[in-house]
Amino acid sequence: MDEALIGRGLPASEAALAIARAKGEAVSAQFPEDVVLAADTIVALEETILGKAADAAEARGILSRLSGTFHQVITGVVVINGRSGARLGQQVVSTVEMKPLTSEEIEAYIASHQWRGKAGAYGIQDSDPFVRRMSGCLTNIVGLPMTTTRKLLGEAGIEPGG
């Protein structure tokens, strides 16, 4: 499934939930009696979606664009309960302020390979995430907003343990 194709043409405010729904429906079609939890996280600078970098050069460009900005981290979460028919989804938006980055900081982060597989080419949980401050849900910025996930699971009739 090409996440970029699913989200193409949608405003950033809708793309994460649309991608999560597509992922969830694809898995649910294969396992129609099961519970499916799907999520997708994007980083948006204004309405520009900054996805996962394909290579170091793209990661460098994304980090340069994010340097010194406020940007949004948007996660769409979908729960499908095949037995009850519940199909629920919600998105969570958090705002992150990234400090201005020097070229040396960007190059050190690129060399660490921590940018791989991460929307916006960084992870707030990494050793130096460049984040000055954030508002909203920390677990959303990491990639799965736990409070929202627990709520959706409960609404779908699934009570998570512990």
C-alpha atoms as a PDB file:
ATOM      1  CA  MET A   1       0.000   0.000   0.000  1.00  0.00           C
ATOM      2  CA  ASP A   2       1.477   3.323  -1.037  1.00  0.00           C
ATOM      3  CA  GLU A   3       0.613   5.751   1.761  1.00  0.00           C
ATOM      4  CA  ALA A   4       1.640   8.753  -0.340  1.00  0.00           C
ATOM      5  CA  LEU A   5      -0.847   7.836  -3.073  1.00  0.00           C
ATOM      6  CA  ILE A   6      -3.720   7.471  -0.614  1.00  0.00           C
ATOM      7  CA  GLY A   7      -3.059  10.865   0.945  1.00  0.00           C
ATOM      8  CA  ARG A   8      -2.287  12.668  -2.326  1.00  0.00           C
ATOM      9  CA  GLY A   9      -4.616  15.549  -3.026  1.00  0.00           C
ATOM     10  CA  LEU A  10      -6.096  15.615   0.452  1.00  0.00           C
ATOM     11  CA  PRO A  11      -5.522  18.485   2.843  1.00  0.00           C
ATOM     12  CA  ALA A  12      -3.075  17.621   5.611  1.00  0.00           C
ATOM     13  CA  SER A  13      -5.947  17.827   8.082  1.00  0.00           C
ATOM     14  CA  GLU A  14      -7.624  14.813   6.390  1.00  0.00           C
ATOM     15  CA  ALA A  15      -4.734  12.730   5.028  1.00  0.00           C
ATOM     16  CA  ALA A  16      -3.658  10.836   8.171  1.00  0.00           C
ATOM     17  CA  LEU A  17      -7.156   9.575   8.922  1.00  0.00           C
ATOM     18  CA  ALA A  18      -7.746   8.617   5.266  1.00  0.00           C
ATOM     19  CA  ILE A  19      -4.499   6.629   5.179  1.00  0.00           C
ATOM     20  CA  ALA A  20      -5.277   4.927   8.516  1.00  0.00           C
ATOM     21  CA  ARG A  21      -8.758   3.994   7.227  1.00  0.00           C
ATOM     22  CA  ALA A  22      -7.299   2.520   4.030  1.00  0.00           C
ATOM     23  CA  LYS A  23      -4.783   0.481   6.044  1.00  0.00           C
ATOM     24  CA  GLY A  24      -7.465  -0.734   8.443  1.00  0.00           C
ATOM     25  CA  GLU A  25      -9.911  -1.682   5.683  1.00  0.00           C
ATOM     26  CA  ALA A  26      -7.196  -3.596   3.799  1.00  0.00           C
ATOM     27  CA  VAL A  27      -6.340  -5.670   6.868  1.00  0.00           C
ATOM     28  CA  SER A  28      -9.995  -6.112   7.840  1.00  0.00           C
ATOM     29  CA  ALA A  29     -10.762  -7.505   4.380  1.00  0.00           C
ATOM     30  CA  GLN A  30      -8.186 -10.242   5.039  1.00  0.00           C
ATOM     31  CA  PHE A  31      -9.327 -10.880   8.627  1.00  0.00           C
ATOM     32  CA  PRO A  32     -13.038  -9.981   8.647  1.00  0.00           C
ATOM     33  CA  GLU A  33     -13.828 -11.489  12.074  1.00  0.00           C
ATOM     34  CA  ASP A  34     -10.953  -9.827  13.914  1.00  0.00           C
ATOM     35  CA  VAL A  35     -10.297  -6.497  15.566  1.00  0.00           C
ATOM     36  CA  VAL A  36      -8.024  -4.236  13.548  1.00  0.00           C
ATOM     37  CA  LEU A  37      -6.149  -1.227  14.882  1.00  0.00           C
ATOM     38  CA  ALA A  38      -4.597   0.970  12.202  1.00  0.00           C
ATOM     39  CA  ALA A  39      -2.819   4.293  12.455  1.00  0.00           C
ATOM     40  CA  ASP A  40      -0.876   6.716  10.331  1.00  0.00           C
ATOM     41  CA  THR A  41       1.118   9.761  11.387  1.00  0.00           C
ATOM     42  CA  ILE A  42       2.036  12.669   9.179  1.00  0.00           C
ATOM     43  CA  VAL A  43       3.915  15.884   9.785  1.00  0.00           C
ATOM     44  CA  ALA A  44       2.431  19.005   8.236  1.00  0.00           C
ATOM     45  CA  LEU A  45       4.128  22.346   7.751  1.00  0.00           C
ATOM     46  CA  GLU A  46       1.169  24.585   7.054  1.00  0.00           C
ATOM     47  CA  GLU A  47      -0.706  22.398   4.539  1.00  0.00           C
ATOM     48  CA  THR A  48       2.389  20.696   3.138  1.00  0.00           C
ATOM     49  CA  ILE A  49       2.631  17.063   4.164  1.00  0.00           C
ATOM     50  CA  LEU A  50       6.161  15.987   5.039  1.00  0.00           C
ATOM     51  CA  GLY A  51       6.195  12.221   5.016  1.00  0.00           C
ATOM     52  CA  LYS A  52       8.938   9.687   5.594  1.00  0.00           C
ATOM     53  CA  ALA A  53      12.183  10.528   3.861  1.00  0.00           C
ATOM     54  CA  ALA A  54      13.229   8.085   1.146  1.00  0.00           C
ATOM     55  CA  ASP A  55      16.931   8.789   1.633  1.00  0.00           C
ATOM     56  CA  ALA A  56      19.437  10.967   3.483  1.00  0.00           C
ATOM     57  CA  ALA A  57      19.143  13.825   0.995  1.00  0.00           C
ATOM     58  CA  GLU A  58      15.377  13.977   1.419  1.00  0.00           C
ATOM     59  CA  ALA A  59      15.723  13.764   5.220  1.00  0.00           C
ATOM     60  CA  ARG A  60      18.187  16.652   5.111  1.00  0.00           C
ATOM     61  CA  GLY A  61      15.702  18.719   3.099  1.00  0.00           C
ATOM     62  CA  ILE A  62      12.804  17.940   5.424  1.00  0.00           C
ATOM     63  CA  LEU A  63      14.806  18.810   8.534  1.00  0.00           C
ATOM     64  CA  SER A  64      15.956  22.045   6.905  1.00  0.00           C
ATOM     65  CA  ARG A  65      12.331  22.976   6.172  1.00  0.00           C
ATOM     66  CA  LEU A  66      11.241  22.172   9.733  1.00  0.00           C
ATOM     67  CA  SER A  67      14.140  24.042  11.330  1.00  0.00           C
ATOM     68  CA  GLY A  68      12.859  26.915  13.470  1.00  0.00           C
ATOM     69  CA  THR A  69       9.184  26.262  12.683  1.00  0.00           C
ATOM     70  CA  PHE A  70       5.946  25.366  14.358  1.00  0.00           C
ATOM     71  CA  HIS A  71       4.434  22.348  12.642  1.00  0.00           C
ATOM     72  CA  GLN A  72       1.656  19.849  13.259  1.00  0.00           C
ATOM     73  CA  VAL A  73       1.905  16.145  13.897  1.00  0.00           C
ATOM     74  CA  ILE A  74      -1.358  14.501  12.859  1.00  0.00           C
ATOM     75  CA  THR A  75      -2.206  10.875  13.583  1.00  0.00           C
ATOM     76  CA  GLY A  76      -5.280   9.098  12.307  1.00  0.00           C
ATOM     77  CA  VAL A  77      -6.373   6.099  14.394  1.00  0.00           C
ATOM     78  CA  VAL A  78      -8.940   3.554  13.193  1.00  0.00           C
ATOM     79  CA  VAL A  79     -10.459   0.603  15.039  1.00  0.00           C
ATOM     80  CA  ILE A  80     -12.519  -1.971  13.161  1.00  0.00           C
ATOM     81  CA  ASN A  81     -14.310  -4.709  15.095  1.00  0.00           C
ATOM     82  CA  GLY A  82     -15.311  -7.311  12.517  1.00  0.00           C
ATOM     83  CA  ARG A  83     -17.663  -9.115  14.881  1.00  0.00           C
ATOM     84  CA  SER A  84     -19.679  -6.092  16.002  1.00  0.00           C
ATOM     85  CA  GLY A  85     -19.344  -4.122  12.781  1.00  0.00           C
ATOM     86  CA  ALA A  86     -17.892  -1.099  14.589  1.00  0.00           C
ATOM     87  CA  ARG A  87     -15.725   1.098  12.362  1.00  0.00           C
ATOM     88  CA  LEU A  88     -14.401   4.041  14.331  1.00  0.00           C
ATOM     89  CA  GLY A  89     -11.790   6.629  13.561  1.00  0.00           C
ATOM     90  CA  GLN A  90     -10.392   9.811  14.972  1.00  0.00           C
ATOM     91  CA  GLN A  91      -7.426  12.005  14.399  1.00  0.00           C
ATOM     92  CA  VAL A  92      -5.249  13.756  16.916  1.00  0.00           C
ATOM     93  CA  VAL A  93      -3.291  16.927  16.199  1.00  0.00           C
ATOM     94  CA  SER A  94      -0.310  18.148  18.208  1.00  0.00           C
ATOM     95  CA  THR A  95       1.894  21.153  17.571  1.00  0.00           C
ATOM     96  CA  VAL A  96       5.666  21.037  17.761  1.00  0.00           C
ATOM     97  CA  GLU A  97       8.132  23.906  17.806  1.00  0.00           C
ATOM     98  CA  MET A  98      11.502  22.878  16.442  1.00  0.00           C
ATOM     99  CA  LYS A  99      14.559  24.926  17.310  1.00  0.00           C
ATOM    100  CA  PRO A 100      16.622  26.406  14.478  1.00  0.00           C
ATOM    101  CA  LEU A 101      19.061  23.720  13.370  1.00  0.00           C
ATOM    102  CA  THR A 102      22.630  24.211  12.263  1.00  0.00           C
ATOM    103  CA  SER A 103      23.909  22.274   9.284  1.00  0.00           C
ATOM    104  CA  GLU A 104      26.185  20.409  11.709  1.00  0.00           C
ATOM    105  CA  GLU A 105      23.213  19.298  13.830  1.00  0.00           C
ATOM    106  CA  ILE A 106      21.344  18.139  10.739  1.00  0.00           C
ATOM    107  CA  GLU A 107      24.367  16.221   9.430  1.00  0.00           C
ATOM    108  CA  ALA A 108      24.943  14.518  12.798  1.00  0.00           C
ATOM    109  CA  TYR A 109      21.301  13.459  12.932  1.00  0.00           C
ATOM    110  CA  ILE A 110      21.422  12.209   9.327  1.00  0.00           C
ATOM    111  CA  ALA A 111      24.543  10.189  10.179  1.00  0.00           C
ATOM    112  CA  SER A 112      22.733   8.607  13.160  1.00  0.00           C
ATOM    113  CA  HIS A 113      20.093   7.124  10.821  1.00  0.00           C
ATOM    114  CA  GLN A 114      17.424   7.909  13.421  1.00  0.00           C
ATOM    115  CA  TRP A 115      15.402   9.724  10.724  1.00  0.00           C
ATOM    116  CA  ARG A 116      14.617   6.480   8.872  1.00  0.00           C
ATOM    117  CA  GLY A 117      10.972   5.477   8.761  1.00  0.00           C
ATOM    118  CA  LYS A 118       9.741   8.568  10.594  1.00  0.00           C
ATOM    119  CA  ALA A 119       7.249  11.138   9.377  1.00  0.00           C
ATOM    120  CA  GLY A 120       9.002  14.488   9.206  1.00  0.00           C
ATOM    121  CA  ALA A 121      12.390  12.715   9.309  1.00  0.00           C
ATOM    122  CA  TYR A 122      12.685  12.961  13.096  1.00  0.00           C
ATOM    123  CA  GLY A 123      11.400  11.304  16.242  1.00  0.00           C
ATOM    124  CA  ILE A 124      10.658  13.237  19.409  1.00  0.00           C
ATOM    125  CA  GLN A 125      11.808  10.144  21.321  1.00  0.00           C
ATOM    126  CA  ASP A 126      15.269  10.202  19.690  1.00  0.00           C
ATOM    127  CA  SER A 127      18.418  11.220  21.549  1.00  0.00           C
ATOM    128  CA  ASP A 128      18.284  14.776  20.138  1.00  0.00           C
ATOM    129  CA  PRO A 129      14.860  15.478  18.671  1.00  0.00           C
ATOM    130  CA  PHE A 130      15.445  19.253  18.232  1.00  0.00           C
ATOM    131  CA  VAL A 131      12.112  20.023  19.855  1.00  0.00           C
ATOM    132  CA  ARG A 132      11.841  23.248  21.847  1.00  0.00           C
ATOM    133  CA  ARG A 133       8.305  22.624  23.014  1.00  0.00           C
ATOM    134  CA  MET A 134       5.125  20.869  22.084  1.00  0.00           C
ATOM    135  CA  SER A 135       1.439  21.145  22.777  1.00  0.00           C
ATOM    136  CA  GLY A 136      -0.973  18.280  22.643  1.00  0.00           C
ATOM    137  CA  CYS A 137      -0.365  14.594  23.087  1.00  0.00           C
ATOM    138  CA  LEU A 138       3.230  13.329  23.369  1.00  0.00           C
ATOM    139  CA  THR A 139       2.276   9.784  22.352  1.00  0.00           C
ATOM    140  CA  ASN A 140       0.659  11.264  19.235  1.00  0.00           C
ATOM    141  CA  ILE A 141       3.981  12.816  18.268  1.00  0.00           C
ATOM    142  CA  VAL A 142       5.688   9.470  18.872  1.00  0.00           C
ATOM    143  CA  GLY A 143       3.126   7.870  16.533  1.00  0.00           C
ATOM    144  CA  LEU A 144       0.152   6.419  18.434  1.00  0.00           C
ATOM    145  CA  PRO A 145      -1.995   8.615  20.670  1.00  0.00           C
ATOM    146  CA  MET A 146      -2.682   6.209  23.496  1.00  0.00           C
ATOM    147  CA  THR A 147      -5.612   8.020  25.143  1.00  0.00           C
ATOM    148  CA  THR A 148      -7.491   8.187  21.854  1.00  0.00           C
ATOM    149  CA  THR A 149      -6.582   4.599  20.984  1.00  0.00           C
ATOM    150  CA  ARG A 150      -7.876   3.321  24.321  1.00  0.00           C
ATOM    151  CA  LYS A 151     -11.100   5.351  23.889  1.00  0.00           C
ATOM    152  CA  LEU A 152     -11.752   4.013  20.368  1.00  0.00           C
ATOM    153  CA  LEU A 153     -11.059   0.427  21.441  1.00  0.00           C
ATOM    154  CA  GLY A 154     -13.549   0.823  24.302  1.00  0.00           C
ATOM    155  CA  GLU A 155     -16.188   2.298  21.981  1.00  0.00           C
ATOM    156  CA  ALA A 156     -15.663  -0.697  19.655  1.00  0.00           C
ATOM    157  CA  GLY A 157     -16.294  -3.104  22.540  1.00  0.00           C
ATOM    158  CA  ILE A 158     -12.661  -3.964  23.189  1.00  0.00           C
ATOM    159  CA  GLU A 159     -11.429  -3.340  26.707  1.00  0.00           C
ATOM    160  CA  PRO A 160      -7.643  -3.136  26.740  1.00  0.00           C
ATOM    161  CA  GLY A 161      -5.993  -4.646  29.784  1.00  0.00           C
ATOM    162  CA  GLY A 162      -3.714  -2.973  32.288  1.00  0.00           C
END
